[in-house]
Amino acid sequence: MASAAPQQQQQATGGGGGGSVSKPGMRKPVFVKVDQLKPGTTGHTLTVKVLSSDTVLQKKGRNPQPLIRAGAGAGQTRIAECLVGDETGAILFTARNEQVDLMKPGTTVILRNAKIDMFKGSMRLAVDKWGRIEVTEPAKFVVKEDNNLSLVEYELVNVVEE
């Protein structure tokens, strides 16, 4: 019981730097271009146009009975690889479950808090549960398809410091 008291007091006084200073609002998103994406990076916000969408996995759940906590499409796993891009380049985007429905060829989407996953040595863009996909009005740019970042193979090299 004694260990809980300091934590409660710290929260009450705003031990995280809050205090009497007003809480800062959400920071403005910094939009990046496709050619700025690097392996292993996260937190990207970018506007891209969907060029193509290919379903690579469509699997039913193991349990035929509907689960109580399950949502509308919880009994099914869908994964699609979508080629997306902007005026600087293109990259493969891995869409999962409900994201597949949003990623229709020809639509323009804003990917918020996207991350770069590595798959077989090449980059894939993905949005997990912490990110968001928003369909927006059609973009005016022409996608530069000849600069596909997913075709570049990367190799992990361990550097030993002496």
C-alpha atoms as a PDB file:
ATOM      1  CA  MET A   1       0.000   0.000   0.000  1.00  0.00           C
ATOM      2  CA  ALA A   2       2.822   2.413   0.807  1.00  0.00           C
ATOM      3  CA  SER A   3       4.326   2.132  -2.698  1.00  0.00           C
ATOM      4  CA  ALA A   4       1.087   3.315  -4.348  1.00  0.00           C
ATOM      5  CA  ALA A   5       1.020   6.657  -2.499  1.00  0.00           C
ATOM      6  CA  PRO A   6       4.082   8.264  -4.204  1.00  0.00           C
ATOM      7  CA  GLN A   7       2.715   7.326  -7.640  1.00  0.00           C
ATOM      8  CA  GLN A   8      -0.642   8.935  -6.908  1.00  0.00           C
ATOM      9  CA  GLN A   9       1.044  12.069  -5.614  1.00  0.00           C
ATOM     10  CA  GLN A  10       3.272  12.263  -8.696  1.00  0.00           C
ATOM     11  CA  GLN A  11       0.239  12.023 -11.000  1.00  0.00           C
ATOM     12  CA  ALA A  12      -1.623  14.683  -9.032  1.00  0.00           C
ATOM     13  CA  THR A  13       1.247  17.167  -9.250  1.00  0.00           C
ATOM     14  CA  GLY A  14       1.871  16.444 -12.920  1.00  0.00           C
ATOM     15  CA  GLY A  15       5.241  14.747 -12.521  1.00  0.00           C
ATOM     16  CA  GLY A  16       5.473  14.450 -16.307  1.00  0.00           C
ATOM     17  CA  GLY A  17       6.164  18.171 -16.748  1.00  0.00           C
ATOM     18  CA  GLY A  18       2.526  19.291 -16.957  1.00  0.00           C
ATOM     19  CA  GLY A  19       1.984  21.339 -13.785  1.00  0.00           C
ATOM     20  CA  SER A  20       0.331  24.685 -14.380  1.00  0.00           C
ATOM     21  CA  VAL A  21       1.585  24.902 -17.971  1.00  0.00           C
ATOM     22  CA  SER A  22      -1.155  24.182 -20.517  1.00  0.00           C
ATOM     23  CA  LYS A  23      -0.953  20.771 -22.162  1.00  0.00           C
ATOM     24  CA  PRO A  24       0.517  20.981 -25.651  1.00  0.00           C
ATOM     25  CA  GLY A  25      -1.830  19.977 -28.464  1.00  0.00           C
ATOM     26  CA  MET A  26      -1.130  17.330 -31.045  1.00  0.00           C
ATOM     27  CA  ARG A  27       1.819  18.222 -33.216  1.00  0.00           C
ATOM     28  CA  LYS A  28       1.306  18.958 -36.893  1.00  0.00           C
ATOM     29  CA  PRO A  29       2.069  16.031 -39.190  1.00  0.00           C
ATOM     30  CA  VAL A  30       5.213  16.330 -41.280  1.00  0.00           C
ATOM     31  CA  PHE A  31       4.417  14.919 -44.699  1.00  0.00           C
ATOM     32  CA  VAL A  32       7.271  13.009 -46.338  1.00  0.00           C
ATOM     33  CA  LYS A  33       7.779  11.862 -49.903  1.00  0.00           C
ATOM     34  CA  VAL A  34       8.232   8.223 -50.917  1.00  0.00           C
ATOM     35  CA  ASP A  35      11.872   8.689 -51.924  1.00  0.00           C
ATOM     36  CA  GLN A  36      12.710   9.831 -48.354  1.00  0.00           C
ATOM     37  CA  LEU A  37      11.700   6.488 -46.807  1.00  0.00           C
ATOM     38  CA  LYS A  38      14.508   4.423 -45.279  1.00  0.00           C
ATOM     39  CA  PRO A  39      14.595   0.872 -43.825  1.00  0.00           C
ATOM     40  CA  GLY A  40      13.561   0.472 -40.196  1.00  0.00           C
ATOM     41  CA  THR A  41      11.934   3.896 -39.853  1.00  0.00           C
ATOM     42  CA  THR A  42       8.509   4.649 -38.374  1.00  0.00           C
ATOM     43  CA  GLY A  43       6.050   7.480 -37.879  1.00  0.00           C
ATOM     44  CA  HIS A  44       5.709   8.537 -41.505  1.00  0.00           C
ATOM     45  CA  THR A  45       2.773  10.571 -42.783  1.00  0.00           C
ATOM     46  CA  LEU A  46       2.440  10.645 -46.555  1.00  0.00           C
ATOM     47  CA  THR A  47      -0.100  11.181 -49.313  1.00  0.00           C
ATOM     48  CA  VAL A  48       0.025   8.477 -51.972  1.00  0.00           C
ATOM     49  CA  LYS A  49      -1.985   7.259 -54.924  1.00  0.00           C
ATOM     50  CA  VAL A  50      -2.885   3.549 -55.142  1.00  0.00           C
ATOM     51  CA  LEU A  51      -1.704   2.084 -58.459  1.00  0.00           C
ATOM     52  CA  SER A  52      -2.593  -1.585 -57.997  1.00  0.00           C
ATOM     53  CA  SER A  53      -3.864  -3.983 -55.351  1.00  0.00           C
ATOM     54  CA  ASP A  54      -3.225  -7.734 -55.359  1.00  0.00           C
ATOM     55  CA  THR A  55      -4.684  -9.992 -52.668  1.00  0.00           C
ATOM     56  CA  VAL A  56      -1.922 -12.359 -51.548  1.00  0.00           C
ATOM     57  CA  LEU A  57      -3.696 -14.070 -48.630  1.00  0.00           C
ATOM     58  CA  GLN A  58      -7.322 -14.665 -47.819  1.00  0.00           C
ATOM     59  CA  LYS A  59      -7.754 -17.113 -44.979  1.00  0.00           C
ATOM     60  CA  LYS A  60     -10.757 -18.056 -42.894  1.00  0.00           C
ATOM     61  CA  GLY A  61     -10.389 -18.249 -39.125  1.00  0.00           C
ATOM     62  CA  ARG A  62      -9.793 -21.637 -37.477  1.00  0.00           C
ATOM     63  CA  ASN A  63     -12.855 -21.495 -35.252  1.00  0.00           C
ATOM     64  CA  PRO A  64     -16.107 -21.788 -37.250  1.00  0.00           C
ATOM     65  CA  GLN A  65     -18.205 -20.450 -34.342  1.00  0.00           C
ATOM     66  CA  PRO A  66     -18.361 -16.635 -34.209  1.00  0.00           C
ATOM     67  CA  LEU A  67     -16.426 -15.228 -31.293  1.00  0.00           C
ATOM     68  CA  ILE A  68     -18.196 -12.918 -28.868  1.00  0.00           C
ATOM     69  CA  ARG A  69     -15.479 -10.250 -28.952  1.00  0.00           C
ATOM     70  CA  ALA A  70     -14.951 -10.531 -32.701  1.00  0.00           C
ATOM     71  CA  GLY A  71     -15.702  -7.657 -35.039  1.00  0.00           C
ATOM     72  CA  ALA A  72     -17.299  -7.891 -38.476  1.00  0.00           C
ATOM     73  CA  GLY A  73     -14.361  -9.467 -40.308  1.00  0.00           C
ATOM     74  CA  ALA A  74     -12.481 -11.014 -37.392  1.00  0.00           C
ATOM     75  CA  GLY A  75     -12.892 -14.582 -38.599  1.00  0.00           C
ATOM     76  CA  GLN A  76     -11.005 -13.829 -41.784  1.00  0.00           C
ATOM     77  CA  THR A  77      -7.441 -12.726 -42.467  1.00  0.00           C
ATOM     78  CA  ARG A  78      -6.847 -10.758 -45.655  1.00  0.00           C
ATOM     79  CA  ILE A  79      -3.534  -9.378 -46.841  1.00  0.00           C
ATOM     80  CA  ALA A  80      -3.034  -7.430 -50.057  1.00  0.00           C
ATOM     81  CA  GLU A  81       0.103  -5.956 -51.572  1.00  0.00           C
ATOM     82  CA  CYS A  82      -0.688  -2.553 -53.049  1.00  0.00           C
ATOM     83  CA  LEU A  83       1.674  -0.530 -55.191  1.00  0.00           C
ATOM     84  CA  VAL A  84       1.408   3.071 -53.971  1.00  0.00           C
ATOM     85  CA  GLY A  85       3.404   6.155 -54.848  1.00  0.00           C
ATOM     86  CA  ASP A  86       3.767   9.878 -55.342  1.00  0.00           C
ATOM     87  CA  GLU A  87       5.696  12.133 -57.712  1.00  0.00           C
ATOM     88  CA  THR A  88       9.066  10.984 -56.253  1.00  0.00           C
ATOM     89  CA  GLY A  89       8.665   7.195 -56.356  1.00  0.00           C
ATOM     90  CA  ALA A  90       6.627   4.081 -55.579  1.00  0.00           C
ATOM     91  CA  ILE A  91       6.666   1.397 -52.872  1.00  0.00           C
ATOM     92  CA  LEU A  92       4.681  -1.711 -51.992  1.00  0.00           C
ATOM     93  CA  PHE A  93       2.166  -1.228 -49.187  1.00  0.00           C
ATOM     94  CA  THR A  94       0.980  -4.228 -47.148  1.00  0.00           C
ATOM     95  CA  ALA A  95      -2.740  -3.809 -46.450  1.00  0.00           C
ATOM     96  CA  ARG A  96      -4.325  -5.998 -43.770  1.00  0.00           C
ATOM     97  CA  ASN A  97      -7.988  -6.939 -43.213  1.00  0.00           C
ATOM     98  CA  GLU A  98     -10.186  -3.786 -43.327  1.00  0.00           C
ATOM     99  CA  GLN A  99      -7.344  -1.804 -44.955  1.00  0.00           C
ATOM    100  CA  VAL A 100      -7.753  -3.914 -48.120  1.00  0.00           C
ATOM    101  CA  ASP A 101     -11.183  -2.357 -48.767  1.00  0.00           C
ATOM    102  CA  LEU A 102      -9.738   1.184 -48.646  1.00  0.00           C
ATOM    103  CA  MET A 103      -6.838   0.495 -51.006  1.00  0.00           C
ATOM    104  CA  LYS A 104      -8.636   0.474 -54.362  1.00  0.00           C
ATOM    105  CA  PRO A 105      -6.592   1.283 -57.476  1.00  0.00           C
ATOM    106  CA  GLY A 106      -6.945   4.934 -58.475  1.00  0.00           C
ATOM    107  CA  THR A 107      -7.775   6.247 -54.984  1.00  0.00           C
ATOM    108  CA  THR A 108      -5.611   8.733 -53.129  1.00  0.00           C
ATOM    109  CA  VAL A 109      -4.967   8.010 -49.460  1.00  0.00           C
ATOM    110  CA  ILE A 110      -3.199   9.659 -46.541  1.00  0.00           C
ATOM    111  CA  LEU A 111      -1.159   7.147 -44.550  1.00  0.00           C
ATOM    112  CA  ARG A 112      -0.634   8.330 -40.964  1.00  0.00           C
ATOM    113  CA  ASN A 113       2.001   6.851 -38.645  1.00  0.00           C
ATOM    114  CA  ALA A 114       3.162   4.416 -41.332  1.00  0.00           C
ATOM    115  CA  LYS A 115       6.252   2.284 -40.822  1.00  0.00           C
ATOM    116  CA  ILE A 116       8.758   0.494 -43.007  1.00  0.00           C
ATOM    117  CA  ASP A 117       8.811  -3.294 -42.628  1.00  0.00           C
ATOM    118  CA  MET A 118      11.538  -5.391 -44.227  1.00  0.00           C
ATOM    119  CA  PHE A 119      10.343  -8.432 -46.178  1.00  0.00           C
ATOM    120  CA  LYS A 120      12.893 -10.682 -47.910  1.00  0.00           C
ATOM    121  CA  GLY A 121      15.426  -7.848 -47.927  1.00  0.00           C
ATOM    122  CA  SER A 122      13.139  -5.231 -49.493  1.00  0.00           C
ATOM    123  CA  MET A 123      11.104  -2.388 -48.002  1.00  0.00           C
ATOM    124  CA  ARG A 124       7.348  -2.580 -47.485  1.00  0.00           C
ATOM    125  CA  LEU A 125       5.188   0.237 -46.173  1.00  0.00           C
ATOM    126  CA  ALA A 126       2.617  -0.738 -43.527  1.00  0.00           C
ATOM    127  CA  VAL A 127       0.132   0.877 -41.152  1.00  0.00           C
ATOM    128  CA  ASP A 128      -0.423  -1.002 -37.884  1.00  0.00           C
ATOM    129  CA  LYS A 129      -3.034  -0.472 -35.174  1.00  0.00           C
ATOM    130  CA  TRP A 130      -1.380   2.811 -34.109  1.00  0.00           C
ATOM    131  CA  GLY A 131      -1.708   4.338 -37.582  1.00  0.00           C
ATOM    132  CA  ARG A 132      -4.535   5.400 -39.832  1.00  0.00           C
ATOM    133  CA  ILE A 133      -5.526   5.284 -43.496  1.00  0.00           C
ATOM    134  CA  GLU A 134      -7.734   8.105 -44.774  1.00  0.00           C
ATOM    135  CA  VAL A 135      -9.183   8.250 -48.270  1.00  0.00           C
ATOM    136  CA  THR A 136      -8.849  11.819 -49.548  1.00  0.00           C
ATOM    137  CA  GLU A 137      -9.653  13.787 -52.708  1.00  0.00           C
ATOM    138  CA  PRO A 138      -7.753  12.692 -55.845  1.00  0.00           C
ATOM    139  CA  ALA A 139      -4.210  14.024 -56.013  1.00  0.00           C
ATOM    140  CA  LYS A 140      -2.952  16.055 -58.953  1.00  0.00           C
ATOM    141  CA  PHE A 141       0.510  14.461 -59.110  1.00  0.00           C
ATOM    142  CA  VAL A 142       1.644  11.751 -61.546  1.00  0.00           C
ATOM    143  CA  VAL A 143       3.231   8.757 -59.836  1.00  0.00           C
ATOM    144  CA  LYS A 144       6.879   8.114 -60.709  1.00  0.00           C
ATOM    145  CA  GLU A 145       6.647   4.345 -61.196  1.00  0.00           C
ATOM    146  CA  ASP A 146      10.226   3.832 -62.409  1.00  0.00           C
ATOM    147  CA  ASN A 147      11.606   4.584 -58.904  1.00  0.00           C
ATOM    148  CA  ASN A 148      10.157   1.581 -57.023  1.00  0.00           C
ATOM    149  CA  LEU A 149      11.821   1.417 -53.602  1.00  0.00           C
ATOM    150  CA  SER A 150      10.530  -2.128 -53.005  1.00  0.00           C
ATOM    151  CA  LEU A 151      12.763  -3.423 -55.798  1.00  0.00           C
ATOM    152  CA  VAL A 152      15.913  -2.308 -53.943  1.00  0.00           C
ATOM    153  CA  GLU A 153      17.367  -5.170 -51.901  1.00  0.00           C
ATOM    154  CA  TYR A 154      18.999  -4.391 -48.585  1.00  0.00           C
ATOM    155  CA  GLU A 155      21.400  -6.546 -46.620  1.00  0.00           C
ATOM    156  CA  LEU A 156      21.899  -6.358 -42.872  1.00  0.00           C
ATOM    157  CA  VAL A 157      25.600  -5.904 -42.138  1.00  0.00           C
ATOM    158  CA  ASN A 158      26.979  -6.223 -38.611  1.00  0.00           C
ATOM    159  CA  VAL A 159      29.737  -3.757 -37.867  1.00  0.00           C
ATOM    160  CA  VAL A 160      32.241  -4.801 -35.198  1.00  0.00           C
ATOM    161  CA  GLU A 161      33.873  -1.850 -33.453  1.00  0.00           C
ATOM    162  CA  GLU A 162      37.384  -2.420 -32.131  1.00  0.00           C
END
